[in-house]
Protein backbone atom coordinates (compact mmCIF):
# COMPACT_ATOMS: atom_id res chain seq x y z
CA MET A 1 -163.79 -170.40 -186.63
CA LYS A 2 -166.97 -170.11 -188.61
CA ASP A 3 -167.90 -171.62 -191.95
CA GLY A 4 -165.98 -169.99 -194.77
CA ASP A 5 -162.99 -169.16 -192.57
CA TYR A 6 -159.70 -170.71 -193.54
CA MET A 7 -156.24 -170.93 -192.09
CA ILE A 8 -152.98 -170.08 -193.77
CA PHE A 9 -149.97 -172.14 -192.73
CA SER A 10 -147.04 -169.89 -191.82
CA LYS A 11 -143.77 -171.23 -193.22
CA GLU A 12 -141.92 -168.46 -191.40
CA LYS A 13 -143.35 -169.44 -188.01
CA ALA A 14 -142.63 -173.11 -188.68
CA ARG A 15 -139.04 -172.31 -189.67
CA LEU A 16 -138.52 -170.21 -186.54
CA ILE A 17 -139.89 -172.93 -184.26
CA MET A 18 -137.76 -175.54 -186.02
CA ALA A 19 -134.65 -173.39 -185.60
CA ASN A 20 -135.41 -172.71 -181.92
CA LYS A 21 -135.81 -176.45 -181.31
CA CYS A 22 -132.80 -177.38 -183.49
CA MET A 23 -135.01 -179.56 -185.68
CA SER A 24 -134.45 -180.20 -189.36
CA MET A 25 -137.22 -180.75 -191.88
CA ALA A 26 -136.22 -184.43 -191.87
CA ASP A 27 -136.75 -184.53 -188.08
CA VAL A 28 -140.21 -182.98 -188.39
CA THR A 29 -141.16 -185.19 -191.33
CA ARG A 30 -140.18 -188.29 -189.37
CA LYS A 31 -142.01 -187.23 -186.17
CA ALA A 32 -145.09 -186.11 -188.12
CA GLU A 33 -145.09 -189.37 -190.07
CA LEU A 34 -145.37 -187.51 -193.37
CA ALA A 35 -144.12 -188.70 -196.75
CA ASN A 36 -140.51 -187.65 -197.31
CA THR A 37 -141.35 -184.93 -199.82
CA THR A 38 -144.53 -183.55 -198.24
CA LEU A 39 -142.96 -181.07 -195.81
CA TYR A 40 -140.32 -180.07 -198.35
CA LYS A 41 -143.06 -179.21 -200.87
CA ILE A 42 -145.04 -177.24 -198.27
CA MET A 43 -141.99 -175.33 -197.02
CA ALA A 44 -140.48 -174.49 -200.43
CA ASP A 45 -140.15 -170.71 -200.87
CA HIS A 46 -141.81 -170.79 -204.29
CA SER A 47 -144.62 -173.07 -203.14
CA SER A 48 -148.19 -171.91 -202.70
CA ILE A 49 -149.28 -175.30 -201.34
CA GLN A 50 -151.48 -175.00 -198.27
CA PRO A 51 -151.51 -178.13 -196.13
CA SER A 52 -154.73 -179.55 -194.77
CA LEU A 53 -155.69 -178.94 -191.15
CA LYS A 54 -154.82 -182.58 -190.46
CA THR A 55 -151.31 -182.09 -191.85
CA ILE A 56 -150.85 -178.82 -189.93
CA GLY A 57 -151.90 -180.72 -186.81
CA ARG A 58 -149.31 -183.42 -187.45
CA ILE A 59 -146.59 -180.82 -188.01
CA ALA A 60 -147.61 -178.96 -184.85
CA LYS A 61 -147.53 -182.17 -182.81
CA ALA A 62 -144.08 -183.03 -184.19
CA LEU A 63 -142.88 -179.55 -183.19
CA GLY A 64 -144.57 -179.76 -179.79
CA VAL A 65 -146.66 -176.62 -180.32
CA PRO A 66 -150.39 -175.86 -180.68
CA VAL A 67 -151.74 -175.59 -184.23
CA GLN A 68 -152.40 -171.87 -183.68
CA GLU A 69 -148.64 -171.22 -183.54
CA LEU A 70 -148.32 -172.32 -187.16
CA ILE A 71 -151.13 -170.17 -188.54
CA SER A 72 -150.69 -166.73 -190.09
CA GLU A 73 -152.68 -163.96 -188.47
């Protein structure tokens, strides 16, 4: 990535990975050590919240996938 580039967190990809791994949002929140409402706010359908790279990294680690798998193309 170069300066000025940004990443967009993909809720759809995260949901698919969670479903494939039979993980709930509570499971991911606990493993990612996020505040109880953080993931729920990020994942809400009406939400335009974009998590920080650090938070995306924590979610990816909790899901056992590389960060790139949670980024929109």
